[in-house]
Amino acid sequence: ASPEVIAVGQVKYGRYCAVCHAPGAVGSTVLPDLRRAGSLESAAAWSAVVHDGVLKNNGMASFKGSLSKEEIEAIRAYVISRANADKAIEAGRKVA
């Protein structure tokens, strides 16, 4: 994704997701680390969770009334960028 899309995703993540999934998408002791979410690999799966609410019975509400599909995809791009940045840091530590 472009830096602009990732920036939009970061802002929207901060507003709508960080309260439960922590700043930086690192999760908590109770809620998932989104950098490792299985749905991250597929735009359709991510949208099904965040937009359609397929995990509502597990406590993950739908955000279709608050976020557009484009904003939801921007959040996914941001979380992917966070995952990739952390992988790069970890790889650098292993080499050192």
N, C-alpha and C. Protein backbone atom coordinates (compact mmCIF):
# COMPACT_ATOMS: atom_id res chain seq x y z
N ALA A 1 0.84 -1.19 0.00
CA ALA A 1 0.00 0.00 0.00
C ALA A 1 0.88 1.25 0.00
N SER A 2 0.33 2.31 -0.46
CA SER A 2 1.07 3.57 -0.49
C SER A 2 1.22 4.13 0.93
N PRO A 3 2.23 4.97 1.12
CA PRO A 3 2.37 5.61 2.44
C PRO A 3 1.13 6.40 2.85
N GLU A 4 0.43 6.97 1.89
CA GLU A 4 -0.78 7.73 2.20
C GLU A 4 -1.89 6.83 2.73
N VAL A 5 -2.05 5.66 2.11
CA VAL A 5 -3.07 4.71 2.57
C VAL A 5 -2.72 4.20 3.96
N ILE A 6 -1.46 3.88 4.17
CA ILE A 6 -1.02 3.40 5.48
C ILE A 6 -1.25 4.48 6.54
N ALA A 7 -1.01 5.73 6.20
CA ALA A 7 -1.23 6.83 7.15
C ALA A 7 -2.70 6.95 7.52
N VAL A 8 -3.59 6.82 6.54
CA VAL A 8 -5.03 6.84 6.82
C VAL A 8 -5.37 5.67 7.75
N GLY A 9 -4.83 4.50 7.45
CA GLY A 9 -5.08 3.32 8.27
C GLY A 9 -4.60 3.50 9.70
N GLN A 10 -3.46 4.15 9.86
CA GLN A 10 -2.93 4.40 11.20
C GLN A 10 -3.86 5.30 12.00
N VAL A 11 -4.36 6.34 11.35
CA VAL A 11 -5.29 7.26 12.04
C VAL A 11 -6.58 6.53 12.41
N LYS A 12 -7.14 5.80 11.47
CA LYS A 12 -8.39 5.08 11.73
C LYS A 12 -8.18 3.98 12.78
N TYR A 13 -7.04 3.30 12.72
CA TYR A 13 -6.73 2.29 13.73
C TYR A 13 -6.70 2.95 15.11
N GLY A 14 -6.02 4.07 15.21
CA GLY A 14 -5.92 4.78 16.48
C GLY A 14 -7.28 5.16 17.03
N ARG A 15 -8.17 5.52 16.16
CA ARG A 15 -9.51 5.98 16.57
C ARG A 15 -10.44 4.82 16.93
N TYR A 16 -10.40 3.75 16.12
CA TYR A 16 -11.40 2.70 16.27
C TYR A 16 -10.89 1.38 16.84
N CYS A 17 -9.61 1.10 16.73
CA CYS A 17 -9.11 -0.24 17.07
C CYS A 17 -8.21 -0.27 18.30
N ALA A 18 -7.43 0.80 18.49
CA ALA A 18 -6.40 0.79 19.53
C ALA A 18 -6.97 0.62 20.93
N VAL A 19 -8.19 1.08 21.16
CA VAL A 19 -8.77 0.97 22.49
C VAL A 19 -8.85 -0.49 22.94
N CYS A 20 -9.06 -1.41 22.02
CA CYS A 20 -9.13 -2.83 22.37
C CYS A 20 -7.85 -3.58 22.00
N HIS A 21 -7.28 -3.26 20.84
CA HIS A 21 -6.15 -4.03 20.33
C HIS A 21 -4.80 -3.37 20.60
N ALA A 22 -4.79 -2.31 21.38
CA ALA A 22 -3.58 -1.61 21.82
C ALA A 22 -2.93 -0.80 20.70
N PRO A 23 -2.28 0.28 21.06
CA PRO A 23 -1.54 1.05 20.07
C PRO A 23 -0.49 0.15 19.40
N GLY A 24 -0.31 0.33 18.11
CA GLY A 24 0.67 -0.46 17.39
C GLY A 24 0.20 -1.85 17.01
N ALA A 25 -1.05 -2.16 17.27
CA ALA A 25 -1.68 -3.44 16.90
C ALA A 25 -1.06 -4.63 17.60
N VAL A 26 -0.49 -4.43 18.79
CA VAL A 26 0.21 -5.51 19.48
C VAL A 26 -0.68 -6.39 20.34
N GLY A 27 -1.94 -6.06 20.46
CA GLY A 27 -2.86 -6.88 21.23
C GLY A 27 -2.68 -6.69 22.72
N SER A 28 -3.31 -7.55 23.47
CA SER A 28 -3.24 -7.52 24.93
C SER A 28 -3.23 -8.95 25.43
N THR A 29 -3.31 -9.11 26.71
CA THR A 29 -3.38 -10.46 27.26
C THR A 29 -4.72 -11.13 26.94
N VAL A 30 -5.71 -10.32 26.58
CA VAL A 30 -7.04 -10.85 26.30
C VAL A 30 -7.38 -10.82 24.81
N LEU A 31 -7.03 -9.72 24.15
CA LEU A 31 -7.42 -9.53 22.75
C LEU A 31 -6.26 -9.82 21.82
N PRO A 32 -6.57 -10.25 20.59
CA PRO A 32 -5.54 -10.71 19.67
C PRO A 32 -4.55 -9.63 19.22
N ASP A 33 -3.34 -10.10 18.95
CA ASP A 33 -2.29 -9.31 18.32
C ASP A 33 -2.63 -9.30 16.83
N LEU A 34 -3.11 -8.18 16.32
CA LEU A 34 -3.57 -8.14 14.94
C LEU A 34 -2.45 -8.33 13.93
N ARG A 35 -1.21 -8.11 14.33
CA ARG A 35 -0.09 -8.33 13.42
C ARG A 35 0.02 -9.80 13.04
N ARG A 36 -0.60 -10.66 13.80
CA ARG A 36 -0.53 -12.10 13.56
C ARG A 36 -1.91 -12.71 13.25
N ALA A 37 -2.87 -11.86 12.98
CA ALA A 37 -4.23 -12.33 12.69
C ALA A 37 -4.28 -13.07 11.36
N GLY A 38 -4.93 -14.21 11.35
CA GLY A 38 -5.08 -14.98 10.12
C GLY A 38 -5.82 -14.23 9.04
N SER A 39 -6.76 -13.39 9.42
CA SER A 39 -7.55 -12.64 8.43
C SER A 39 -6.73 -11.56 7.74
N LEU A 40 -5.57 -11.24 8.27
CA LEU A 40 -4.73 -10.19 7.70
C LEU A 40 -4.28 -10.54 6.28
N GLU A 41 -4.17 -11.82 5.98
CA GLU A 41 -3.69 -12.27 4.68
C GLU A 41 -4.68 -12.04 3.55
N SER A 42 -5.94 -11.83 3.87
CA SER A 42 -6.98 -11.72 2.85
C SER A 42 -7.85 -10.49 3.08
N ALA A 43 -7.93 -9.64 2.07
CA ALA A 43 -8.79 -8.45 2.19
C ALA A 43 -10.24 -8.86 2.44
N ALA A 44 -10.68 -9.94 1.79
CA ALA A 44 -12.06 -10.38 1.98
C ALA A 44 -12.30 -10.89 3.40
N ALA A 45 -11.36 -11.65 3.94
CA ALA A 45 -11.50 -12.17 5.30
C ALA A 45 -11.46 -11.03 6.31
N TRP A 46 -10.55 -10.08 6.12
CA TRP A 46 -10.44 -8.91 7.02
C TRP A 46 -11.75 -8.12 7.00
N SER A 47 -12.30 -7.90 5.80
CA SER A 47 -13.55 -7.16 5.67
C SER A 47 -14.71 -7.93 6.33
N ALA A 48 -14.69 -9.24 6.19
CA ALA A 48 -15.75 -10.04 6.82
C ALA A 48 -15.75 -9.86 8.33
N VAL A 49 -14.57 -9.74 8.91
CA VAL A 49 -14.46 -9.55 10.36
C VAL A 49 -14.83 -8.13 10.75
N VAL A 50 -14.17 -7.15 10.13
CA VAL A 50 -14.30 -5.76 10.56
C VAL A 50 -15.58 -5.10 10.04
N HIS A 51 -15.94 -5.37 8.80
CA HIS A 51 -17.13 -4.75 8.21
C HIS A 51 -18.39 -5.57 8.49
N ASP A 52 -18.31 -6.88 8.20
CA ASP A 52 -19.51 -7.71 8.27
C ASP A 52 -19.83 -8.25 9.67
N GLY A 53 -18.82 -8.27 10.54
CA GLY A 53 -19.06 -8.72 11.91
C GLY A 53 -19.16 -10.22 12.09
N VAL A 54 -18.42 -11.00 11.28
CA VAL A 54 -18.53 -12.45 11.41
C VAL A 54 -18.05 -12.98 12.77
N LEU A 55 -17.29 -12.19 13.50
CA LEU A 55 -16.84 -12.61 14.83
C LEU A 55 -17.58 -11.90 15.96
N LYS A 56 -18.77 -11.41 15.66
CA LYS A 56 -19.53 -10.67 16.68
C LYS A 56 -19.83 -11.53 17.91
N ASN A 57 -20.02 -12.82 17.72
CA ASN A 57 -20.28 -13.69 18.87
C ASN A 57 -19.04 -13.88 19.74
N ASN A 58 -17.89 -13.51 19.21
CA ASN A 58 -16.63 -13.57 19.97
C ASN A 58 -16.25 -12.20 20.53
N GLY A 59 -17.13 -11.22 20.35
CA GLY A 59 -16.88 -9.89 20.90
C GLY A 59 -16.36 -8.87 19.93
N MET A 60 -16.15 -9.24 18.66
CA MET A 60 -15.65 -8.30 17.66
C MET A 60 -16.84 -7.73 16.88
N ALA A 61 -17.19 -6.51 17.20
CA ALA A 61 -18.35 -5.86 16.58
C ALA A 61 -18.05 -5.47 15.14
N SER A 62 -19.09 -5.30 14.38
CA SER A 62 -18.99 -4.77 13.02
C SER A 62 -18.79 -3.26 13.07
N PHE A 63 -17.95 -2.76 12.18
CA PHE A 63 -17.72 -1.32 12.09
C PHE A 63 -18.28 -0.74 10.79
N LYS A 64 -19.21 -1.45 10.16
CA LYS A 64 -19.74 -0.98 8.88
C LYS A 64 -20.48 0.35 9.01
N GLY A 65 -20.96 0.68 10.18
CA GLY A 65 -21.63 1.96 10.38
C GLY A 65 -20.66 3.11 10.64
N SER A 66 -19.40 2.78 10.91
CA SER A 66 -18.41 3.80 11.26
C SER A 66 -17.28 3.94 10.25
N LEU A 67 -16.96 2.86 9.56
CA LEU A 67 -15.83 2.86 8.63
C LEU A 67 -16.26 2.39 7.25
N SER A 68 -15.75 3.04 6.23
CA SER A 68 -16.01 2.59 4.86
C SER A 68 -15.13 1.37 4.56
N LYS A 69 -15.45 0.65 3.51
CA LYS A 69 -14.63 -0.50 3.12
C LYS A 69 -13.20 -0.05 2.79
N GLU A 70 -13.06 1.13 2.22
CA GLU A 70 -11.72 1.66 1.91
C GLU A 70 -10.94 1.94 3.18
N GLU A 71 -11.60 2.49 4.19
CA GLU A 71 -10.94 2.75 5.46
C GLU A 71 -10.55 1.45 6.17
N ILE A 72 -11.41 0.45 6.07
CA ILE A 72 -11.12 -0.86 6.66
C ILE A 72 -9.91 -1.47 5.97
N GLU A 73 -9.82 -1.34 4.67
CA GLU A 73 -8.66 -1.85 3.94
C GLU A 73 -7.41 -1.04 4.29
N ALA A 74 -7.55 0.25 4.53
CA ALA A 74 -6.41 1.07 4.94
C ALA A 74 -5.91 0.63 6.32
N ILE A 75 -6.81 0.26 7.20
CA ILE A 75 -6.40 -0.26 8.51
C ILE A 75 -5.63 -1.56 8.33
N ARG A 76 -6.10 -2.42 7.46
CA ARG A 76 -5.38 -3.67 7.17
C ARG A 76 -3.98 -3.37 6.65
N ALA A 77 -3.86 -2.39 5.76
CA ALA A 77 -2.55 -2.00 5.22
C ALA A 77 -1.64 -1.50 6.34
N TYR A 78 -2.19 -0.74 7.26
CA TYR A 78 -1.40 -0.25 8.40
C TYR A 78 -0.92 -1.42 9.27
N VAL A 79 -1.81 -2.35 9.58
CA VAL A 79 -1.43 -3.48 10.42
C VAL A 79 -0.38 -4.34 9.71
N ILE A 80 -0.52 -4.53 8.41
CA ILE A 80 0.50 -5.25 7.65
C ILE A 80 1.84 -4.53 7.73
N SER A 81 1.81 -3.21 7.61
CA SER A 81 3.06 -2.45 7.69
C SER A 81 3.70 -2.61 9.07
N ARG A 82 2.88 -2.65 10.11
CA ARG A 82 3.40 -2.87 11.48
C ARG A 82 4.01 -4.26 11.60
N ALA A 83 3.33 -5.25 11.05
CA ALA A 83 3.85 -6.62 11.10
C ALA A 83 5.18 -6.72 10.36
N ASN A 84 5.26 -6.12 9.19
CA ASN A 84 6.49 -6.16 8.41
C ASN A 84 7.62 -5.42 9.09
N ALA A 85 7.33 -4.30 9.71
CA ALA A 85 8.35 -3.54 10.42
C ALA A 85 8.90 -4.35 11.60
N ASP A 86 8.02 -5.01 12.32
CA ASP A 86 8.46 -5.82 13.46
C ASP A 86 9.26 -7.04 12.99
N LYS A 87 8.87 -7.63 11.88
CA LYS A 87 9.64 -8.76 11.33
C LYS A 87 11.04 -8.31 10.95
N ALA A 88 11.15 -7.13 10.37
CA ALA A 88 12.46 -6.61 9.97
C ALA A 88 13.34 -6.37 11.20
N ILE A 89 12.75 -5.84 12.25
CA ILE A 89 13.50 -5.62 13.50
C ILE A 89 13.97 -6.95 14.07
N GLU A 90 13.07 -7.93 14.12
CA GLU A 90 13.42 -9.25 14.64
C GLU A 90 14.52 -9.89 13.80
N ALA A 91 14.45 -9.76 12.49
CA ALA A 91 15.48 -10.33 11.61
C ALA A 91 16.82 -9.65 11.87
N GLY A 92 16.80 -8.36 12.10
CA GLY A 92 18.02 -7.63 12.40
C GLY A 92 18.64 -8.07 13.70
N ARG A 93 17.83 -8.38 14.67
CA ARG A 93 18.33 -8.85 15.98
C ARG A 93 18.96 -10.23 15.85
N LYS A 94 18.37 -11.07 15.02
CA LYS A 94 18.89 -12.43 14.86
C LYS A 94 20.26 -12.40 14.18
N VAL A 95 20.44 -11.48 13.26
CA VAL A 95 21.71 -11.35 12.53
C VAL A 95 22.80 -10.82 13.45
N ALA A 96 22.45 -9.91 14.33
CA ALA A 96 23.45 -9.24 15.17
C ALA A 96 24.05 -10.15 16.21
